[in-house]
Amino acid sequence: MTKLRLALAAPAILVSAHALAQQAPTPATAPAPAAAKPATELPTAASILERATAAIGGLDAWSKIQSMEVKGKIELPGQGIKGPMHTITSQPNKMLTHINFEGIGDIRTGFDGTVGWAQDRISGTRLLEGGELETMVREADFMRDADPVKRWDKVETVGDGTFGGFDCWKISATRGTLVSTLWYEKSSGLQRGLELTMDTQFGKVPVSTVLKEYKEFEAPSGKVKLPTVTEATQMGQKMTTSIESVTFDKVDPAAFALPDAIKALLEPEPAEEAGETTAEPAAPAAPAAPAAPAAPAAPAQPKKEG
């Protein structure tokens, strides 16, 4: 917002400087300064988020959905990479995503409500920890978009501007050490994007996401909206996600079970490798009790003389 205000103010500053250079030196003849334009009153962040929830179907409709299956595709146009995407989610916080990129192979990530994990050809099978796990926990929250107030510790409207080609309100949102910028379209109330720094296995990466298109779907609880085309930019690369189908309340709970390879990582490692264990040294034997002294032999009887 600061950059936008500076850009708008720059022509006025240049005109004022030119006028001052040309005017007469007598202060009395100088034109009176124009009155400052009153600042636009900003709506509260709470009211913006409440309107956004209503725009996607409402909290009541979303809270009655138990699970969701989404199929679509992901494309990295700058690298010529694309592939199908399959994601399942379930109340309250379970998620499993499978992507198959041409020439790269399968990428799987999951969260069963407790354990976050990832599998791919480059990094292998691993457990998510630290900031990566925190990100997974946030993304697995089934109600994260339908109840955004709960998702953040603090939200504040800080201005407005254009984001992704949409005229939006700008909100600063924080949760713990995470600071994000959220953009909500003024006309529709829909969220149009977010900017944040994500924790990845390669370190902290700034990510900017535009929610370009929404579509209405018929859920058992009523009509709801989902962003069907999103464009994320990170490290100079763009990634486009397109949703082709959505199915509600058909996900098998067993689908979130941890793969055997992940279970193996959770098992405690043995103290020693098999075959290399050494027996504990035996405790020293207690000293034997001293033998009782033998009784003295009886003296021999003298012989009788015949």
C-alpha atoms as a PDB file:
ATOM      1  CA  MET A   1       0.000   0.000   0.000  1.00  0.00           C
ATOM      2  CA  THR A   2       2.891   2.387   0.720  1.00  0.00           C
ATOM      3  CA  LYS A   3       4.278   1.908  -2.793  1.00  0.00           C
ATOM      4  CA  LEU A   4       0.828   2.522  -4.287  1.00  0.00           C
ATOM      5  CA  ARG A   5       0.420   5.795  -2.373  1.00  0.00           C
ATOM      6  CA  LEU A   6       3.894   6.958  -3.422  1.00  0.00           C
ATOM      7  CA  ALA A   7       3.128   6.171  -7.067  1.00  0.00           C
ATOM      8  CA  LEU A   8      -0.108   8.149  -6.927  1.00  0.00           C
ATOM      9  CA  ALA A   9       1.552  11.034  -5.107  1.00  0.00           C
ATOM     10  CA  ALA A  10       4.584  11.351  -7.409  1.00  0.00           C
ATOM     11  CA  PRO A  11       2.881  13.428 -10.196  1.00  0.00           C
ATOM     12  CA  ALA A  12       1.434  15.824  -7.628  1.00  0.00           C
ATOM     13  CA  ILE A  13       4.862  16.307  -6.046  1.00  0.00           C
ATOM     14  CA  LEU A  14       6.437  17.107  -9.440  1.00  0.00           C
ATOM     15  CA  VAL A  15       3.691  19.607 -10.342  1.00  0.00           C
ATOM     16  CA  SER A  16       4.026  21.328  -6.969  1.00  0.00           C
ATOM     17  CA  ALA A  17       7.800  21.628  -7.349  1.00  0.00           C
ATOM     18  CA  HIS A  18       7.410  23.176 -10.819  1.00  0.00           C
ATOM     19  CA  ALA A  19       4.820  25.652  -9.553  1.00  0.00           C
ATOM     20  CA  LEU A  20       7.035  26.740  -6.667  1.00  0.00           C
ATOM     21  CA  ALA A  21       9.934  27.369  -9.036  1.00  0.00           C
ATOM     22  CA  GLN A  22       7.806  29.600 -11.305  1.00  0.00           C
ATOM     23  CA  GLN A  23       5.841  31.598  -8.739  1.00  0.00           C
ATOM     24  CA  ALA A  24       6.668  35.163  -7.611  1.00  0.00           C
ATOM     25  CA  PRO A  25       8.809  35.550  -4.474  1.00  0.00           C
ATOM     26  CA  THR A  26       6.072  37.406  -2.587  1.00  0.00           C
ATOM     27  CA  PRO A  27       4.460  34.906  -0.170  1.00  0.00           C
ATOM     28  CA  ALA A  28       1.171  36.846  -0.174  1.00  0.00           C
ATOM     29  CA  THR A  29       0.533  36.032  -3.841  1.00  0.00           C
ATOM     30  CA  ALA A  30       1.122  32.297  -3.415  1.00  0.00           C
ATOM     31  CA  PRO A  31      -2.037  30.202  -3.901  1.00  0.00           C
ATOM     32  CA  ALA A  32      -3.514  28.602  -0.814  1.00  0.00           C
ATOM     33  CA  PRO A  33      -2.620  24.915  -0.495  1.00  0.00           C
ATOM     34  CA  ALA A  34      -5.378  22.494  -1.495  1.00  0.00           C
ATOM     35  CA  ALA A  35      -7.121  20.739   1.337  1.00  0.00           C
ATOM     36  CA  ALA A  36      -5.919  17.215   1.932  1.00  0.00           C
ATOM     37  CA  LYS A  37      -8.245  14.500   0.648  1.00  0.00           C
ATOM     38  CA  PRO A  38      -9.750  12.570   3.551  1.00  0.00           C
ATOM     39  CA  ALA A  39      -8.521   9.002   3.824  1.00  0.00           C
ATOM     40  CA  THR A  40     -10.972   6.257   2.912  1.00  0.00           C
ATOM     41  CA  GLU A  41     -12.335   4.543   5.989  1.00  0.00           C
ATOM     42  CA  LEU A  42     -11.241   0.911   5.997  1.00  0.00           C
ATOM     43  CA  PRO A  43     -13.665  -1.888   6.866  1.00  0.00           C
ATOM     44  CA  THR A  44     -12.658  -4.080   9.780  1.00  0.00           C
ATOM     45  CA  ALA A  45     -10.785  -7.291   9.046  1.00  0.00           C
ATOM     46  CA  ALA A  46     -13.471  -9.254  10.895  1.00  0.00           C
ATOM     47  CA  SER A  47     -16.203  -7.898   8.587  1.00  0.00           C
ATOM     48  CA  ILE A  48     -14.124  -8.699   5.472  1.00  0.00           C
ATOM     49  CA  LEU A  49     -13.493 -12.264   6.603  1.00  0.00           C
ATOM     50  CA  GLU A  50     -17.143 -12.770   7.574  1.00  0.00           C
ATOM     51  CA  ARG A  51     -18.196 -11.652   4.106  1.00  0.00           C
ATOM     52  CA  ALA A  52     -15.624 -13.978   2.512  1.00  0.00           C
ATOM     53  CA  THR A  53     -17.072 -16.944   4.422  1.00  0.00           C
ATOM     54  CA  ALA A  54     -20.564 -16.098   3.172  1.00  0.00           C
ATOM     55  CA  ALA A  55     -19.233 -15.771  -0.399  1.00  0.00           C
ATOM     56  CA  ILE A  56     -18.061 -19.408  -0.466  1.00  0.00           C
ATOM     57  CA  GLY A  57     -21.259 -20.866   0.965  1.00  0.00           C
ATOM     58  CA  GLY A  58     -21.248 -20.037   4.651  1.00  0.00           C
ATOM     59  CA  LEU A  59     -19.854 -21.597   7.790  1.00  0.00           C
ATOM     60  CA  ASP A  60     -22.879 -23.831   8.372  1.00  0.00           C
ATOM     61  CA  ALA A  61     -22.671 -25.484   4.944  1.00  0.00           C
ATOM     62  CA  TRP A  62     -18.941 -26.107   5.216  1.00  0.00           C
ATOM     63  CA  SER A  63     -19.087 -27.458   8.778  1.00  0.00           C
ATOM     64  CA  LYS A  64     -21.511 -30.199   7.637  1.00  0.00           C
ATOM     65  CA  ILE A  65     -19.128 -31.496   4.945  1.00  0.00           C
ATOM     66  CA  GLN A  66     -17.139 -34.438   6.317  1.00  0.00           C
ATOM     67  CA  SER A  67     -14.673 -35.062   3.499  1.00  0.00           C
ATOM     68  CA  MET A  68     -13.716 -33.903   0.034  1.00  0.00           C
ATOM     69  CA  GLU A  69     -11.920 -35.403  -2.971  1.00  0.00           C
ATOM     70  CA  VAL A  70     -10.389 -33.046  -5.527  1.00  0.00           C
ATOM     71  CA  LYS A  71      -8.920 -33.992  -8.904  1.00  0.00           C
ATOM     72  CA  GLY A  72      -7.123 -31.681 -11.284  1.00  0.00           C
ATOM     73  CA  LYS A  73      -3.737 -30.851 -12.740  1.00  0.00           C
ATOM     74  CA  ILE A  74      -0.651 -28.824 -11.898  1.00  0.00           C
ATOM     75  CA  GLU A  75       1.614 -27.126 -14.412  1.00  0.00           C
ATOM     76  CA  LEU A  76       4.966 -25.344 -14.190  1.00  0.00           C
ATOM     77  CA  PRO A  77       4.825 -23.513 -17.534  1.00  0.00           C
ATOM     78  CA  GLY A  78       8.316 -22.048 -17.266  1.00  0.00           C
ATOM     79  CA  GLN A  79       9.820 -25.539 -17.050  1.00  0.00           C
ATOM     80  CA  GLY A  80       7.396 -27.358 -19.318  1.00  0.00           C
ATOM     81  CA  ILE A  81       6.362 -29.667 -16.473  1.00  0.00           C
ATOM     82  CA  LYS A  82       2.813 -30.772 -15.771  1.00  0.00           C
ATOM     83  CA  GLY A  83       0.859 -33.647 -14.302  1.00  0.00           C
ATOM     84  CA  PRO A  84      -2.333 -34.814 -12.594  1.00  0.00           C
ATOM     85  CA  MET A  85      -3.130 -33.953  -8.978  1.00  0.00           C
ATOM     86  CA  HIS A  86      -5.350 -35.873  -6.544  1.00  0.00           C
ATOM     87  CA  THR A  87      -6.110 -34.570  -3.049  1.00  0.00           C
ATOM     88  CA  ILE A  88      -8.373 -35.899  -0.314  1.00  0.00           C
ATOM     89  CA  THR A  89      -9.192 -34.081   2.905  1.00  0.00           C
ATOM     90  CA  SER A  90     -11.314 -34.930   5.915  1.00  0.00           C
ATOM     91  CA  GLN A  91     -12.638 -33.309   9.059  1.00  0.00           C
ATOM     92  CA  PRO A  92     -11.054 -32.058  11.177  1.00  0.00           C
ATOM     93  CA  ASN A  93      -7.479 -32.104   9.867  1.00  0.00           C
ATOM     94  CA  LYS A  94      -6.490 -34.989   7.613  1.00  0.00           C
ATOM     95  CA  MET A  95      -5.005 -34.563   4.150  1.00  0.00           C
ATOM     96  CA  LEU A  96      -3.333 -36.650   1.444  1.00  0.00           C
ATOM     97  CA  THR A  97      -2.005 -35.283  -1.868  1.00  0.00           C
ATOM     98  CA  HIS A  98      -0.608 -37.198  -4.839  1.00  0.00           C
ATOM     99  CA  ILE A  99       0.996 -35.443  -7.821  1.00  0.00           C
ATOM    100  CA  ASN A 100       2.634 -37.176 -10.778  1.00  0.00           C
ATOM    101  CA  PHE A 101       4.890 -34.853 -12.765  1.00  0.00           C
ATOM    102  CA  GLU A 102       6.028 -36.018 -16.180  1.00  0.00           C
ATOM    103  CA  GLY A 103       9.725 -36.845 -16.067  1.00  0.00           C
ATOM    104  CA  ILE A 104       9.902 -36.384 -12.291  1.00  0.00           C
ATOM    105  CA  GLY A 105       7.580 -39.046 -10.913  1.00  0.00           C
ATOM    106  CA  ASP A 106       5.285 -39.273  -7.930  1.00  0.00           C
ATOM    107  CA  ILE A 107       5.192 -36.716  -5.145  1.00  0.00           C
ATOM    108  CA  ARG A 108       3.114 -37.643  -2.099  1.00  0.00           C
ATOM    109  CA  THR A 109       2.452 -35.685   1.076  1.00  0.00           C
ATOM    110  CA  GLY A 110       0.145 -36.514   3.933  1.00  0.00           C
ATOM    111  CA  PHE A 111      -1.060 -35.692   7.424  1.00  0.00           C
ATOM    112  CA  ASP A 112      -3.090 -38.157   9.495  1.00  0.00           C
ATOM    113  CA  GLY A 113      -3.938 -35.674  12.221  1.00  0.00           C
ATOM    114  CA  THR A 114      -0.641 -36.230  14.040  1.00  0.00           C
ATOM    115  CA  VAL A 115       2.155 -37.217  11.642  1.00  0.00           C
ATOM    116  CA  GLY A 116       3.195 -35.218   8.582  1.00  0.00           C
ATOM    117  CA  TRP A 117       5.214 -36.947   5.883  1.00  0.00           C
ATOM    118  CA  ALA A 118       6.476 -36.682   2.292  1.00  0.00           C
ATOM    119  CA  GLN A 119       7.705 -39.065  -0.407  1.00  0.00           C
ATOM    120  CA  ASP A 120       9.399 -38.217  -3.694  1.00  0.00           C
ATOM    121  CA  ARG A 121      12.188 -39.510  -5.888  1.00  0.00           C
ATOM    122  CA  ILE A 122      14.592 -36.701  -5.008  1.00  0.00           C
ATOM    123  CA  SER A 123      14.270 -36.504  -1.216  1.00  0.00           C
ATOM    124  CA  GLY A 124      13.015 -40.009  -0.558  1.00  0.00           C
ATOM    125  CA  THR A 125      10.708 -40.850   2.325  1.00  0.00           C
ATOM    126  CA  ARG A 126      10.804 -38.503   5.297  1.00  0.00           C
ATOM    127  CA  LEU A 127       8.893 -37.175   8.271  1.00  0.00           C
ATOM    128  CA  LEU A 128       8.005 -33.487   8.333  1.00  0.00           C
ATOM    129  CA  GLU A 129       9.340 -31.545  11.293  1.00  0.00           C
ATOM    130  CA  GLY A 130       9.625 -27.962  12.537  1.00  0.00           C
ATOM    131  CA  GLY A 131       8.290 -25.267  10.233  1.00  0.00           C
ATOM    132  CA  GLU A 132       7.381 -27.766   7.502  1.00  0.00           C
ATOM    133  CA  LEU A 133       5.147 -29.660   9.912  1.00  0.00           C
ATOM    134  CA  GLU A 134       3.548 -26.420  11.127  1.00  0.00           C
ATOM    135  CA  THR A 135       2.719 -25.522   7.529  1.00  0.00           C
ATOM    136  CA  MET A 136       1.190 -28.953   6.960  1.00  0.00           C
ATOM    137  CA  VAL A 137      -0.917 -28.638  10.113  1.00  0.00           C
ATOM    138  CA  ARG A 138      -2.286 -25.282   8.908  1.00  0.00           C
ATOM    139  CA  GLU A 139      -3.042 -26.554   5.404  1.00  0.00           C
ATOM    140  CA  ALA A 140      -4.724 -29.740   6.672  1.00  0.00           C
ATOM    141  CA  ASP A 141      -7.278 -27.774   8.690  1.00  0.00           C
ATOM    142  CA  PHE A 142     -10.498 -28.612   6.823  1.00  0.00           C
ATOM    143  CA  MET A 143     -12.189 -25.363   7.897  1.00  0.00           C
ATOM    144  CA  ARG A 144      -9.224 -23.062   7.263  1.00  0.00           C
ATOM    145  CA  ASP A 145     -10.976 -21.091   4.493  1.00  0.00           C
ATOM    146  CA  ALA A 146     -14.530 -21.338   5.804  1.00  0.00           C
ATOM    147  CA  ASP A 147     -13.538 -20.078   9.262  1.00  0.00           C
ATOM    148  CA  PRO A 148     -10.486 -17.846   8.642  1.00  0.00           C
ATOM    149  CA  VAL A 149     -10.854 -15.916  11.899  1.00  0.00           C
ATOM    150  CA  LYS A 150     -10.025 -19.112  13.801  1.00  0.00           C
ATOM    151  CA  ARG A 151      -6.986 -19.663  11.614  1.00  0.00           C
ATOM    152  CA  TRP A 152      -5.194 -16.478  12.746  1.00  0.00           C
ATOM    153  CA  ASP A 153      -4.237 -14.968  16.102  1.00  0.00           C
ATOM    154  CA  LYS A 154      -4.591 -11.409  14.815  1.00  0.00           C
ATOM    155  CA  VAL A 155      -6.044  -9.825  11.666  1.00  0.00           C
ATOM    156  CA  GLU A 156      -6.012  -6.152  10.668  1.00  0.00           C
ATOM    157  CA  THR A 157      -7.098  -4.250   7.574  1.00  0.00           C
ATOM    158  CA  VAL A 158      -4.059  -2.267   6.453  1.00  0.00           C
ATOM    159  CA  GLY A 159      -5.205  -0.795   3.133  1.00  0.00           C
ATOM    160  CA  ASP A 160      -6.449  -1.639  -0.334  1.00  0.00           C
ATOM    161  CA  GLY A 161      -4.998  -2.118  -3.799  1.00  0.00           C
ATOM    162  CA  THR A 162      -4.897  -4.252  -6.909  1.00  0.00           C
ATOM    163  CA  PHE A 163      -3.786  -7.853  -6.562  1.00  0.00           C
ATOM    164  CA  GLY A 164      -3.835 -10.313  -9.438  1.00  0.00           C
ATOM    165  CA  GLY A 165      -5.916  -7.825 -11.412  1.00  0.00           C
ATOM    166  CA  PHE A 166      -8.624  -7.592  -8.716  1.00  0.00           C
ATOM    167  CA  ASP A 167      -9.531  -4.510  -6.670  1.00  0.00           C
ATOM    168  CA  CYS A 168      -9.029  -5.750  -3.118  1.00  0.00           C
ATOM    169  CA  TRP A 169      -8.906  -4.994   0.571  1.00  0.00           C
ATOM    170  CA  LYS A 170      -5.538  -5.822   2.121  1.00  0.00           C
ATOM    171  CA  ILE A 171      -5.317  -7.611   5.478  1.00  0.00           C
ATOM    172  CA  SER A 172      -2.276  -8.361   7.622  1.00  0.00           C
ATOM    173  CA  ALA A 173      -2.706 -11.696   9.443  1.00  0.00           C
ATOM    174  CA  THR A 174      -0.431 -13.257  12.045  1.00  0.00           C
ATOM    175  CA  ARG A 175      -0.273 -16.595  13.806  1.00  0.00           C
ATOM    176  CA  GLY A 176       2.691 -17.113  16.077  1.00  0.00           C
ATOM    177  CA  THR A 177       5.728 -16.054  14.041  1.00  0.00           C
ATOM    178  CA  LEU A 178       3.903 -16.433  10.706  1.00  0.00           C
ATOM    179  CA  VAL A 179       2.958 -13.121   9.065  1.00  0.00           C
ATOM    180  CA  SER A 180       0.782 -13.177   5.934  1.00  0.00           C
ATOM    181  CA  THR A 181      -0.859 -10.639   3.651  1.00  0.00           C
ATOM    182  CA  LEU A 182      -4.395 -11.558   2.555  1.00  0.00           C
ATOM    183  CA  TRP A 183      -6.285  -9.986  -0.357  1.00  0.00           C
ATOM    184  CA  TYR A 184     -10.112  -9.932  -0.599  1.00  0.00           C
ATOM    185  CA  GLU A 185     -12.037  -8.662  -3.609  1.00  0.00           C
ATOM    186  CA  LYS A 186     -14.174  -5.629  -2.811  1.00  0.00           C
ATOM    187  CA  SER A 187     -17.012  -6.446  -5.205  1.00  0.00           C
ATOM    188  CA  SER A 188     -17.537 -10.171  -4.508  1.00  0.00           C
ATOM    189  CA  GLY A 189     -16.016 -10.600  -1.060  1.00  0.00           C
ATOM    190  CA  LEU A 190     -14.004 -13.597  -2.307  1.00  0.00           C
ATOM    191  CA  GLN A 191     -10.399 -14.108  -1.256  1.00  0.00           C
ATOM    192  CA  ARG A 192      -8.196 -13.361  -4.244  1.00  0.00           C
ATOM    193  CA  GLY A 193      -4.768 -14.157  -2.878  1.00  0.00           C
ATOM    194  CA  LEU A 194      -2.212 -14.349  -0.137  1.00  0.00           C
ATOM    195  CA  GLU A 195       1.475 -13.634   0.353  1.00  0.00           C
ATOM    196  CA  LEU A 196       3.580 -15.393   2.956  1.00  0.00           C
ATOM    197  CA  THR A 197       6.948 -17.000   3.599  1.00  0.00           C
ATOM    198  CA  MET A 198       6.741 -20.785   3.798  1.00  0.00           C
ATOM    199  CA  ASP A 199       9.101 -23.175   5.552  1.00  0.00           C
ATOM    200  CA  THR A 200      10.383 -25.844   3.163  1.00  0.00           C
ATOM    201  CA  GLN A 201      13.127 -28.451   3.258  1.00  0.00           C
ATOM    202  CA  PHE A 202      15.256 -25.905   1.364  1.00  0.00           C
ATOM    203  CA  GLY A 203      14.631 -23.110   3.869  1.00  0.00           C
ATOM    204  CA  LYS A 204      12.201 -20.199   3.959  1.00  0.00           C
ATOM    205  CA  VAL A 205      10.630 -19.390   0.586  1.00  0.00           C
ATOM    206  CA  PRO A 206       8.392 -16.347  -0.180  1.00  0.00           C
ATOM    207  CA  VAL A 207       5.211 -17.450  -1.966  1.00  0.00           C
ATOM    208  CA  SER A 208       2.571 -15.292  -3.666  1.00  0.00           C
ATOM    209  CA  THR A 209      -0.702 -16.976  -4.668  1.00  0.00           C
ATOM    210  CA  VAL A 210      -3.518 -15.565  -6.818  1.00  0.00           C
ATOM    211  CA  LEU A 211      -6.955 -17.230  -6.685  1.00  0.00           C
ATOM    212  CA  LYS A 212      -7.948 -16.475 -10.253  1.00  0.00           C
ATOM    213  CA  GLU A 213     -11.224 -18.355 -10.755  1.00  0.00           C
ATOM    214  CA  TYR A 214     -13.985 -19.753  -8.522  1.00  0.00           C
ATOM    215  CA  LYS A 215     -16.689 -22.303  -9.290  1.00  0.00           C
ATOM    216  CA  GLU A 216     -19.828 -23.312  -7.427  1.00  0.00           C
ATOM    217  CA  PHE A 217     -20.308 -26.973  -6.442  1.00  0.00           C
ATOM    218  CA  GLU A 218     -23.298 -28.814  -5.035  1.00  0.00           C
ATOM    219  CA  ALA A 219     -22.448 -30.338  -1.642  1.00  0.00           C
ATOM    220  CA  PRO A 220     -24.867 -32.406   0.489  1.00  0.00           C
ATOM    221  CA  SER A 221     -25.201 -29.384   2.783  1.00  0.00           C
ATOM    222  CA  GLY A 222     -25.825 -26.859  -0.003  1.00  0.00           C
ATOM    223  CA  LYS A 223     -23.944 -24.910  -2.661  1.00  0.00           C
ATOM    224  CA  VAL A 224     -20.335 -23.988  -1.902  1.00  0.00           C
ATOM    225  CA  LYS A 225     -17.575 -22.279  -3.866  1.00  0.00           C
ATOM    226  CA  LEU A 226     -13.963 -23.318  -4.358  1.00  0.00           C
ATOM    227  CA  PRO A 227     -11.070 -21.614  -6.177  1.00  0.00           C
ATOM    228  CA  THR A 228     -10.631 -23.741  -9.294  1.00  0.00           C
ATOM    229  CA  VAL A 229      -7.664 -21.930 -10.885  1.00  0.00           C
ATOM    230  CA  THR A 230      -4.794 -20.691  -8.720  1.00  0.00           C
ATOM    231  CA  GLU A 231      -1.396 -19.346  -9.673  1.00  0.00           C
ATOM    232  CA  ALA A 232       1.465 -19.481  -7.173  1.00  0.00           C
ATOM    233  CA  THR A 233       4.828 -17.784  -7.682  1.00  0.00           C
ATOM    234  CA  GLN A 234       7.919 -18.764  -5.716  1.00  0.00           C
ATOM    235  CA  MET A 235      11.623 -18.369  -6.405  1.00  0.00           C
ATOM    236  CA  GLY A 236      10.791 -16.797  -9.783  1.00  0.00           C
ATOM    237  CA  GLN A 237       8.760 -19.814 -10.925  1.00  0.00           C
ATOM    238  CA  LYS A 238       5.010 -19.970 -11.532  1.00  0.00           C
ATOM    239  CA  MET A 239       2.836 -22.972 -10.750  1.00  0.00           C
ATOM    240  CA  THR A 240      -0.770 -23.160 -11.966  1.00  0.00           C
ATOM    241  CA  THR A 241      -3.284 -25.489 -10.319  1.00  0.00           C
ATOM    242  CA  SER A 242      -6.601 -26.284 -12.021  1.00  0.00           C
ATOM    243  CA  ILE A 243      -9.427 -28.213 -10.335  1.00  0.00           C
ATOM    244  CA  GLU A 244     -11.518 -30.392 -12.645  1.00  0.00           C
ATOM    245  CA  SER A 245     -13.817 -32.294 -10.245  1.00  0.00           C
ATOM    246  CA  VAL A 246     -14.880 -32.252  -6.589  1.00  0.00           C
ATOM    247  CA  THR A 247     -16.644 -35.068  -4.708  1.00  0.00           C
ATOM    248  CA  PHE A 248     -18.028 -34.662  -1.198  1.00  0.00           C
ATOM    249  CA  ASP A 249     -18.343 -37.143   1.674  1.00  0.00           C
ATOM    250  CA  LYS A 250     -17.057 -40.212  -0.226  1.00  0.00           C
ATOM    251  CA  VAL A 251     -13.528 -40.512   1.185  1.00  0.00           C
ATOM    252  CA  ASP A 252     -12.656 -43.770   2.963  1.00  0.00           C
ATOM    253  CA  PRO A 253     -11.074 -42.925   6.367  1.00  0.00           C
ATOM    254  CA  ALA A 254      -8.596 -45.778   5.829  1.00  0.00           C
ATOM    255  CA  ALA A 255      -7.054 -43.784   2.971  1.00  0.00           C
ATOM    256  CA  PHE A 256      -5.193 -41.612   5.508  1.00  0.00           C
ATOM    257  CA  ALA A 257      -3.371 -44.560   7.108  1.00  0.00           C
ATOM    258  CA  LEU A 258       0.389 -44.046   7.185  1.00  0.00           C
ATOM    259  CA  PRO A 259       2.386 -45.913   4.496  1.00  0.00           C
ATOM    260  CA  ASP A 260       4.577 -48.751   5.777  1.00  0.00           C
ATOM    261  CA  ALA A 261       7.719 -46.767   4.918  1.00  0.00           C
ATOM    262  CA  ILE A 262       6.549 -43.937   7.180  1.00  0.00           C
ATOM    263  CA  LYS A 263       5.644 -46.331   9.975  1.00  0.00           C
ATOM    264  CA  ALA A 264       9.173 -47.718   9.779  1.00  0.00           C
ATOM    265  CA  LEU A 265      10.598 -44.215  10.362  1.00  0.00           C
ATOM    266  CA  LEU A 266       8.514 -43.907  13.514  1.00  0.00           C
ATOM    267  CA  GLU A 267       9.835 -47.143  15.044  1.00  0.00           C
ATOM    268  CA  PRO A 268      12.603 -46.665  17.623  1.00  0.00           C
ATOM    269  CA  GLU A 269      16.016 -47.701  16.373  1.00  0.00           C
ATOM    270  CA  PRO A 270      17.577 -50.710  18.113  1.00  0.00           C
ATOM    271  CA  ALA A 271      20.412 -49.903  20.487  1.00  0.00           C
ATOM    272  CA  GLU A 272      22.825 -52.213  18.623  1.00  0.00           C
ATOM    273  CA  GLU A 273      22.809 -53.801  15.201  1.00  0.00           C
ATOM    274  CA  ALA A 274      21.852 -57.462  15.219  1.00  0.00           C
ATOM    275  CA  GLY A 275      24.913 -59.748  15.505  1.00  0.00           C
ATOM    276  CA  GLU A 276      27.068 -57.018  17.034  1.00  0.00           C
ATOM    277  CA  THR A 277      25.638 -57.020  20.498  1.00  0.00           C
ATOM    278  CA  THR A 278      27.990 -57.927  23.286  1.00  0.00           C
ATOM    279  CA  ALA A 279      26.879 -59.815  26.355  1.00  0.00           C
ATOM    280  CA  GLU A 280      26.844 -57.898  29.572  1.00  0.00           C
ATOM    281  CA  PRO A 281      29.833 -58.872  31.708  1.00  0.00           C
ATOM    282  CA  ALA A 282      28.802 -61.376  34.340  1.00  0.00           C
ATOM    283  CA  ALA A 283      28.780 -60.147  37.879  1.00  0.00           C
ATOM    284  CA  PRO A 284      31.778 -61.474  39.887  1.00  0.00           C
ATOM    285  CA  ALA A 285      30.944 -64.623  41.789  1.00  0.00           C
ATOM    286  CA  ALA A 286      30.582 -64.270  45.515  1.00  0.00           C
ATOM    287  CA  PRO A 287      33.633 -65.594  47.356  1.00  0.00           C
ATOM    288  CA  ALA A 288      33.169 -69.103  48.639  1.00  0.00           C
ATOM    289  CA  ALA A 289      32.627 -69.460  52.358  1.00  0.00           C
ATOM    290  CA  PRO A 290      35.783 -70.753  54.166  1.00  0.00           C
ATOM    291  CA  ALA A 291      35.669 -74.476  54.839  1.00  0.00           C
ATOM    292  CA  ALA A 292      35.102 -75.504  58.463  1.00  0.00           C
ATOM    293  CA  PRO A 293      38.359 -76.786  60.105  1.00  0.00           C
ATOM    294  CA  ALA A 294      38.524 -80.570  60.306  1.00  0.00           C
ATOM    295  CA  ALA A 295      38.198 -82.114  63.791  1.00  0.00           C
ATOM    296  CA  PRO A 296      41.577 -83.379  65.232  1.00  0.00           C
ATOM    297  CA  ALA A 297      42.072 -87.114  64.941  1.00  0.00           C
ATOM    298  CA  ALA A 298      41.703 -89.127  68.165  1.00  0.00           C
ATOM    299  CA  PRO A 299      45.072 -90.195  69.762  1.00  0.00           C
ATOM    300  CA  ALA A 300      46.119 -93.808  69.115  1.00  0.00           C
ATOM    301  CA  GLN A 301      45.610 -96.288  72.057  1.00  0.00           C
ATOM    302  CA  PRO A 302      48.823 -97.849  73.555  1.00  0.00           C
ATOM    303  CA  LYS A 303      49.342-101.503  72.727  1.00  0.00           C
ATOM    304  CA  LYS A 304      48.982-104.067  75.597  1.00  0.00           C
ATOM    305  CA  GLU A 305      52.054-106.283  76.240  1.00  0.00           C
ATOM    306  CA  GLY A 306      51.326-109.920  76.360  1.00  0.00           C
END
